[in-house]
Amino acid sequence: MQLRNAIWDFDGTLADTYDVILASLQATLQHFNYDAGDRQELYRFIKLHSVKAYFQKVTPPASFAQIFQYHQQLDHQSQNQVQLLPGATTVLREIIQKGGHNYLWTHRDDLVLEILERQHIRQYFTAVISSQQHFERKPSPQALNYLVQTYNLKPDVSAMIGDRALDIQAGKNAGLQTIYYDVDNFHDSNGADQIVTQLPQIINFF
């Protein structure tokens, strides 16, 4: 059966944001006199877990909120450096041309809308869910359940697409199809229904 609805993760799936995220992470650690760590090890940790989880790991609970907020401020200041990954615009456009729909679910706040506008892809999304809707974070299916109910999506023709295991788990928890984008060859597919290494490969499922 061909898919009709794509529910996209943003960071690392549609956009090459991790250089910016890592720079903000290391600058925050240095600002608060923590070891900035090895860049590749940090990258692997935040891809397999999250930035928030890293700060929770290395900072005392009493300092976490202040340090994490500082990181978010640096990350916001770097929004204009974010670029799309190769093939992102093409696959979004072709899904629409095939009669499908794109949705976005990101843990970023509404500043993601500015990135979408700047990269000229906002028009390809039927709906965008950010952290400011206050849904539970992945792998909770709460936001996906909302999209399914609000837009009357059929789970068997709707897929959660992401580059991390928690994206796939969220899709499974919502009873959706799942596509894992193995952009780093981490092979952390978590039993996804489909695995791709290039974004344009996803068009074949629609």
C-alpha atoms as a PDB file:
ATOM      1  CA  MET A   1       0.000   0.000   0.000  1.00  0.00           C
ATOM      2  CA  GLN A   2       1.290   3.446  -0.900  1.00  0.00           C
ATOM      3  CA  LEU A   3       1.592   6.081   1.813  1.00  0.00           C
ATOM      4  CA  ARG A   4      -0.327   9.361   1.686  1.00  0.00           C
ATOM      5  CA  ASN A   5       0.733  11.231   4.833  1.00  0.00           C
ATOM      6  CA  ALA A   6       4.261  12.058   5.982  1.00  0.00           C
ATOM      7  CA  ILE A   7       4.798  13.236   9.548  1.00  0.00           C
ATOM      8  CA  TRP A   8       8.317  14.610   9.707  1.00  0.00           C
ATOM      9  CA  ASP A   9      10.843  15.141  12.435  1.00  0.00           C
ATOM     10  CA  PHE A  10      12.901  18.295  11.828  1.00  0.00           C
ATOM     11  CA  ASP A  11      16.388  18.247  13.369  1.00  0.00           C
ATOM     12  CA  GLY A  12      18.620  15.831  11.484  1.00  0.00           C
ATOM     13  CA  THR A  13      15.794  14.665   9.219  1.00  0.00           C
ATOM     14  CA  LEU A  14      14.843  17.676   7.118  1.00  0.00           C
ATOM     15  CA  ALA A  15      17.429  20.149   8.387  1.00  0.00           C
ATOM     16  CA  ASP A  16      21.151  19.967   9.072  1.00  0.00           C
ATOM     17  CA  THR A  17      20.931  21.515  12.532  1.00  0.00           C
ATOM     18  CA  TYR A  18      23.411  19.479  14.524  1.00  0.00           C
ATOM     19  CA  ASP A  19      26.478  21.646  13.839  1.00  0.00           C
ATOM     20  CA  VAL A  20      24.565  24.586  15.308  1.00  0.00           C
ATOM     21  CA  ILE A  21      23.254  22.505  18.212  1.00  0.00           C
ATOM     22  CA  LEU A  22      26.723  21.160  19.038  1.00  0.00           C
ATOM     23  CA  ALA A  23      28.304  24.615  18.875  1.00  0.00           C
ATOM     24  CA  SER A  24      25.674  25.947  21.283  1.00  0.00           C
ATOM     25  CA  LEU A  25      26.070  22.925  23.546  1.00  0.00           C
ATOM     26  CA  GLN A  26      29.861  23.220  23.775  1.00  0.00           C
ATOM     27  CA  ALA A  27      29.705  27.004  24.257  1.00  0.00           C
ATOM     28  CA  THR A  28      27.222  26.518  27.106  1.00  0.00           C
ATOM     29  CA  LEU A  29      29.404  23.931  28.808  1.00  0.00           C
ATOM     30  CA  GLN A  30      32.421  26.214  28.556  1.00  0.00           C
ATOM     31  CA  HIS A  31      30.444  29.210  29.842  1.00  0.00           C
ATOM     32  CA  PHE A  32      29.497  27.305  32.997  1.00  0.00           C
ATOM     33  CA  ASN A  33      33.006  25.825  33.395  1.00  0.00           C
ATOM     34  CA  TYR A  34      32.177  22.268  32.364  1.00  0.00           C
ATOM     35  CA  ASP A  35      34.347  20.113  30.130  1.00  0.00           C
ATOM     36  CA  ALA A  36      33.166  20.757  26.548  1.00  0.00           C
ATOM     37  CA  GLY A  37      33.820  17.108  25.724  1.00  0.00           C
ATOM     38  CA  ASP A  38      34.717  15.372  22.481  1.00  0.00           C
ATOM     39  CA  ARG A  39      32.563  16.691  19.637  1.00  0.00           C
ATOM     40  CA  GLN A  40      31.944  13.306  18.022  1.00  0.00           C
ATOM     41  CA  GLU A  41      31.009  11.687  21.339  1.00  0.00           C
ATOM     42  CA  LEU A  42      28.657  14.569  22.121  1.00  0.00           C
ATOM     43  CA  TYR A  43      27.080  14.231  18.687  1.00  0.00           C
ATOM     44  CA  ARG A  44      26.454  10.530  19.128  1.00  0.00           C
ATOM     45  CA  PHE A  45      24.966  11.062  22.594  1.00  0.00           C
ATOM     46  CA  ILE A  46      22.513  13.765  21.565  1.00  0.00           C
ATOM     47  CA  LYS A  47      21.470  11.818  18.454  1.00  0.00           C
ATOM     48  CA  LEU A  48      20.797   8.671  20.463  1.00  0.00           C
ATOM     49  CA  HIS A  49      19.261  10.605  23.379  1.00  0.00           C
ATOM     50  CA  SER A  50      18.884  14.416  23.426  1.00  0.00           C
ATOM     51  CA  VAL A  51      20.579  17.676  24.385  1.00  0.00           C
ATOM     52  CA  LYS A  52      18.304  17.881  27.396  1.00  0.00           C
ATOM     53  CA  ALA A  53      19.368  14.416  28.513  1.00  0.00           C
ATOM     54  CA  TYR A  54      23.025  15.416  28.235  1.00  0.00           C
ATOM     55  CA  PHE A  55      22.586  18.456  30.449  1.00  0.00           C
ATOM     56  CA  GLN A  56      20.623  16.346  32.917  1.00  0.00           C
ATOM     57  CA  LYS A  57      23.524  13.909  32.948  1.00  0.00           C
ATOM     58  CA  VAL A  58      26.346  16.405  33.613  1.00  0.00           C
ATOM     59  CA  THR A  59      24.717  19.224  35.608  1.00  0.00           C
ATOM     60  CA  PRO A  60      23.281  19.200  39.150  1.00  0.00           C
ATOM     61  CA  PRO A  61      19.458  19.397  39.296  1.00  0.00           C
ATOM     62  CA  ALA A  62      19.582  22.820  40.954  1.00  0.00           C
ATOM     63  CA  SER A  63      21.503  24.289  37.994  1.00  0.00           C
ATOM     64  CA  PHE A  64      19.836  22.443  35.139  1.00  0.00           C
ATOM     65  CA  ALA A  65      17.092  24.966  34.294  1.00  0.00           C
ATOM     66  CA  GLN A  66      19.498  27.927  34.136  1.00  0.00           C
ATOM     67  CA  ILE A  67      22.061  26.072  32.037  1.00  0.00           C
ATOM     68  CA  PHE A  68      19.513  24.597  29.641  1.00  0.00           C
ATOM     69  CA  GLN A  69      17.867  28.000  29.154  1.00  0.00           C
ATOM     70  CA  TYR A  70      21.254  29.519  28.317  1.00  0.00           C
ATOM     71  CA  HIS A  71      21.787  26.834  25.673  1.00  0.00           C
ATOM     72  CA  GLN A  72      18.366  27.521  24.160  1.00  0.00           C
ATOM     73  CA  GLN A  73      19.176  31.223  23.900  1.00  0.00           C
ATOM     74  CA  LEU A  74      22.399  30.454  22.014  1.00  0.00           C
ATOM     75  CA  ASP A  75      20.548  28.012  19.777  1.00  0.00           C
ATOM     76  CA  HIS A  76      17.905  30.628  18.938  1.00  0.00           C
ATOM     77  CA  GLN A  77      20.606  33.129  18.016  1.00  0.00           C
ATOM     78  CA  SER A  78      21.972  30.622  15.496  1.00  0.00           C
ATOM     79  CA  GLN A  79      18.688  29.913  13.675  1.00  0.00           C
ATOM     80  CA  ASN A  80      19.795  31.745  10.543  1.00  0.00           C
ATOM     81  CA  GLN A  81      22.639  29.241  10.088  1.00  0.00           C
ATOM     82  CA  VAL A  82      20.294  26.271   9.702  1.00  0.00           C
ATOM     83  CA  GLN A  83      20.234  24.682   6.238  1.00  0.00           C
ATOM     84  CA  LEU A  84      18.062  21.942   4.780  1.00  0.00           C
ATOM     85  CA  LEU A  85      19.503  18.510   4.114  1.00  0.00           C
ATOM     86  CA  PRO A  86      19.975  17.468   0.466  1.00  0.00           C
ATOM     87  CA  GLY A  87      16.704  16.455  -1.162  1.00  0.00           C
ATOM     88  CA  ALA A  88      14.441  17.877   1.568  1.00  0.00           C
ATOM     89  CA  THR A  89      12.617  20.383  -0.638  1.00  0.00           C
ATOM     90  CA  THR A  90      12.281  17.875  -3.471  1.00  0.00           C
ATOM     91  CA  VAL A  91      10.723  15.132  -1.362  1.00  0.00           C
ATOM     92  CA  LEU A  92       8.290  17.514   0.352  1.00  0.00           C
ATOM     93  CA  ARG A  93       7.184  18.950  -2.993  1.00  0.00           C
ATOM     94  CA  GLU A  94       6.829  15.581  -4.712  1.00  0.00           C
ATOM     95  CA  ILE A  95       4.717  14.138  -1.900  1.00  0.00           C
ATOM     96  CA  ILE A  96       2.307  17.038  -2.444  1.00  0.00           C
ATOM     97  CA  GLN A  97       2.390  16.519  -6.216  1.00  0.00           C
ATOM     98  CA  LYS A  98       1.448  12.869  -5.675  1.00  0.00           C
ATOM     99  CA  GLY A  99      -1.614  13.937  -3.716  1.00  0.00           C
ATOM    100  CA  GLY A 100      -0.110  13.397  -0.274  1.00  0.00           C
ATOM    101  CA  HIS A 101       0.290  15.621   2.768  1.00  0.00           C
ATOM    102  CA  ASN A 102       3.221  16.673   4.938  1.00  0.00           C
ATOM    103  CA  TYR A 103       3.075  17.380   8.672  1.00  0.00           C
ATOM    104  CA  LEU A 104       5.873  18.421  11.027  1.00  0.00           C
ATOM    105  CA  TRP A 105       6.408  17.485  14.650  1.00  0.00           C
ATOM    106  CA  THR A 106       9.449  19.020  16.317  1.00  0.00           C
ATOM    107  CA  HIS A 107      10.663  19.574  19.867  1.00  0.00           C
ATOM    108  CA  ARG A 108      11.775  23.053  18.757  1.00  0.00           C
ATOM    109  CA  ASP A 109       9.604  26.048  19.615  1.00  0.00           C
ATOM    110  CA  ASP A 110       7.709  28.210  17.129  1.00  0.00           C
ATOM    111  CA  LEU A 111      10.937  29.730  15.810  1.00  0.00           C
ATOM    112  CA  VAL A 112      10.975  26.675  13.558  1.00  0.00           C
ATOM    113  CA  LEU A 113       8.290  28.465  11.525  1.00  0.00           C
ATOM    114  CA  GLU A 114      10.816  31.177  10.675  1.00  0.00           C
ATOM    115  CA  ILE A 115      13.242  28.541   9.415  1.00  0.00           C
ATOM    116  CA  LEU A 116      10.536  26.964   7.254  1.00  0.00           C
ATOM    117  CA  GLU A 117       9.665  30.353   5.773  1.00  0.00           C
ATOM    118  CA  ARG A 118      13.287  31.277   5.176  1.00  0.00           C
ATOM    119  CA  GLN A 119      13.923  27.966   3.430  1.00  0.00           C
ATOM    120  CA  HIS A 120      10.721  28.369   1.356  1.00  0.00           C
ATOM    121  CA  ILE A 121       9.104  25.113   2.506  1.00  0.00           C
ATOM    122  CA  ARG A 122       6.368  26.294   4.883  1.00  0.00           C
ATOM    123  CA  GLN A 123       3.767  25.929   2.136  1.00  0.00           C
ATOM    124  CA  TYR A 124       4.386  22.181   1.916  1.00  0.00           C
ATOM    125  CA  PHE A 125       3.075  21.495   5.434  1.00  0.00           C
ATOM    126  CA  THR A 126      -0.569  21.058   6.341  1.00  0.00           C
ATOM    127  CA  ALA A 127       0.275  21.489  10.036  1.00  0.00           C
ATOM    128  CA  VAL A 128       3.315  22.137  12.224  1.00  0.00           C
ATOM    129  CA  ILE A 129       3.511  21.011  15.846  1.00  0.00           C
ATOM    130  CA  SER A 130       6.220  22.576  17.992  1.00  0.00           C
ATOM    131  CA  SER A 131       7.065  22.450  21.683  1.00  0.00           C
ATOM    132  CA  GLN A 132       4.739  25.393  22.266  1.00  0.00           C
ATOM    133  CA  GLN A 133       1.696  23.168  21.831  1.00  0.00           C
ATOM    134  CA  HIS A 134       2.913  21.411  25.014  1.00  0.00           C
ATOM    135  CA  PHE A 135       2.376  17.859  23.853  1.00  0.00           C
ATOM    136  CA  GLU A 136       4.390  15.162  25.595  1.00  0.00           C
ATOM    137  CA  ARG A 137       7.827  14.651  24.076  1.00  0.00           C
ATOM    138  CA  LYS A 138       8.734  11.720  21.861  1.00  0.00           C
ATOM    139  CA  PRO A 139       8.418   8.766  22.139  1.00  0.00           C
ATOM    140  CA  SER A 140       4.980   9.629  23.514  1.00  0.00           C
ATOM    141  CA  PRO A 141       2.404   9.358  20.697  1.00  0.00           C
ATOM    142  CA  GLN A 142       0.288  12.221  22.051  1.00  0.00           C
ATOM    143  CA  ALA A 143       1.095  14.706  19.249  1.00  0.00           C
ATOM    144  CA  LEU A 144       0.719  12.029  16.592  1.00  0.00           C
ATOM    145  CA  ASN A 145      -2.639  10.977  18.003  1.00  0.00           C
ATOM    146  CA  TYR A 146      -3.717  14.610  17.800  1.00  0.00           C
ATOM    147  CA  LEU A 147      -2.739  14.803  14.121  1.00  0.00           C
ATOM    148  CA  VAL A 148      -4.494  11.527  13.334  1.00  0.00           C
ATOM    149  CA  GLN A 149      -7.708  12.665  15.021  1.00  0.00           C
ATOM    150  CA  THR A 150      -7.671  16.280  13.809  1.00  0.00           C
ATOM    151  CA  TYR A 151      -6.882  15.535  10.167  1.00  0.00           C
ATOM    152  CA  ASN A 152      -8.606  12.145   9.982  1.00  0.00           C
ATOM    153  CA  LEU A 153      -5.405  10.355   8.995  1.00  0.00           C
ATOM    154  CA  LYS A 154      -5.497   6.636   8.316  1.00  0.00           C
ATOM    155  CA  PRO A 155      -2.605   4.999  10.226  1.00  0.00           C
ATOM    156  CA  ASP A 156      -1.883   2.403   7.545  1.00  0.00           C
ATOM    157  CA  VAL A 157      -1.100   5.124   4.973  1.00  0.00           C
ATOM    158  CA  SER A 158       0.560   7.573   7.380  1.00  0.00           C
ATOM    159  CA  ALA A 159       4.222   7.429   8.385  1.00  0.00           C
ATOM    160  CA  MET A 160       6.362   8.986  11.085  1.00  0.00           C
ATOM    161  CA  ILE A 161       9.734   9.850   9.516  1.00  0.00           C
ATOM    162  CA  GLY A 162      12.815  10.555  11.606  1.00  0.00           C
ATOM    163  CA  ASP A 163      16.518  10.021  12.157  1.00  0.00           C
ATOM    164  CA  ARG A 164      16.355   8.731  15.723  1.00  0.00           C
ATOM    165  CA  ALA A 165      14.983   5.665  17.491  1.00  0.00           C
ATOM    166  CA  LEU A 166      12.594   7.791  19.548  1.00  0.00           C
ATOM    167  CA  ASP A 167      10.963   9.093  16.344  1.00  0.00           C
ATOM    168  CA  ILE A 168      10.339   5.521  15.272  1.00  0.00           C
ATOM    169  CA  GLN A 169       9.100   4.500  18.708  1.00  0.00           C
ATOM    170  CA  ALA A 170       6.671   7.431  18.759  1.00  0.00           C
ATOM    171  CA  GLY A 171       5.312   6.315  15.389  1.00  0.00           C
ATOM    172  CA  LYS A 172       4.918   2.749  16.598  1.00  0.00           C
ATOM    173  CA  ASN A 173       3.214   3.922  19.778  1.00  0.00           C
ATOM    174  CA  ALA A 174       0.668   5.748  17.607  1.00  0.00           C
ATOM    175  CA  GLY A 175       0.123   2.719  15.373  1.00  0.00           C
ATOM    176  CA  LEU A 176       1.617   4.447  12.317  1.00  0.00           C
ATOM    177  CA  GLN A 177       3.988   3.286   9.621  1.00  0.00           C
ATOM    178  CA  THR A 178       7.594   4.318  10.281  1.00  0.00           C
ATOM    179  CA  ILE A 179      10.549   5.380   8.126  1.00  0.00           C
ATOM    180  CA  TYR A 180      14.022   5.686   9.614  1.00  0.00           C
ATOM    181  CA  TYR A 181      16.464   8.056   7.910  1.00  0.00           C
ATOM    182  CA  ASP A 182      19.890   6.560   8.663  1.00  0.00           C
ATOM    183  CA  VAL A 183      21.770   9.738   7.829  1.00  0.00           C
ATOM    184  CA  ASP A 184      24.749   8.859  10.088  1.00  0.00           C
ATOM    185  CA  ASN A 185      24.908   5.095   9.613  1.00  0.00           C
ATOM    186  CA  PHE A 186      24.161   4.693  13.335  1.00  0.00           C
ATOM    187  CA  HIS A 187      21.738   1.872  12.387  1.00  0.00           C
ATOM    188  CA  ASP A 188      19.489   2.868  15.290  1.00  0.00           C
ATOM    189  CA  SER A 189      16.331   2.026  13.368  1.00  0.00           C
ATOM    190  CA  ASN A 190      14.368   0.530  16.287  1.00  0.00           C
ATOM    191  CA  GLY A 191      12.594  -1.871  13.933  1.00  0.00           C
ATOM    192  CA  ALA A 192      11.313   0.762  11.503  1.00  0.00           C
ATOM    193  CA  ASP A 193       9.093  -0.426   8.656  1.00  0.00           C
ATOM    194  CA  GLN A 194      11.400   1.208   6.113  1.00  0.00           C
ATOM    195  CA  ILE A 195      15.009   2.451   6.234  1.00  0.00           C
ATOM    196  CA  VAL A 196      16.511   5.011   3.850  1.00  0.00           C
ATOM    197  CA  THR A 197      19.928   6.624   3.569  1.00  0.00           C
ATOM    198  CA  GLN A 198      18.865   9.449   1.219  1.00  0.00           C
ATOM    199  CA  LEU A 199      15.746  11.588   1.563  1.00  0.00           C
ATOM    200  CA  PRO A 200      14.594  11.229  -2.080  1.00  0.00           C
ATOM    201  CA  GLN A 201      14.234   7.455  -1.514  1.00  0.00           C
ATOM    202  CA  ILE A 202      11.172   8.253   0.596  1.00  0.00           C
ATOM    203  CA  ILE A 203       9.265   9.408  -2.501  1.00  0.00           C
ATOM    204  CA  ASN A 204       9.084   5.773  -3.637  1.00  0.00           C
ATOM    205  CA  PHE A 205       6.750   4.955  -0.730  1.00  0.00           C
ATOM    206  CA  PHE A 206       4.150   7.535  -1.820  1.00  0.00           C
END
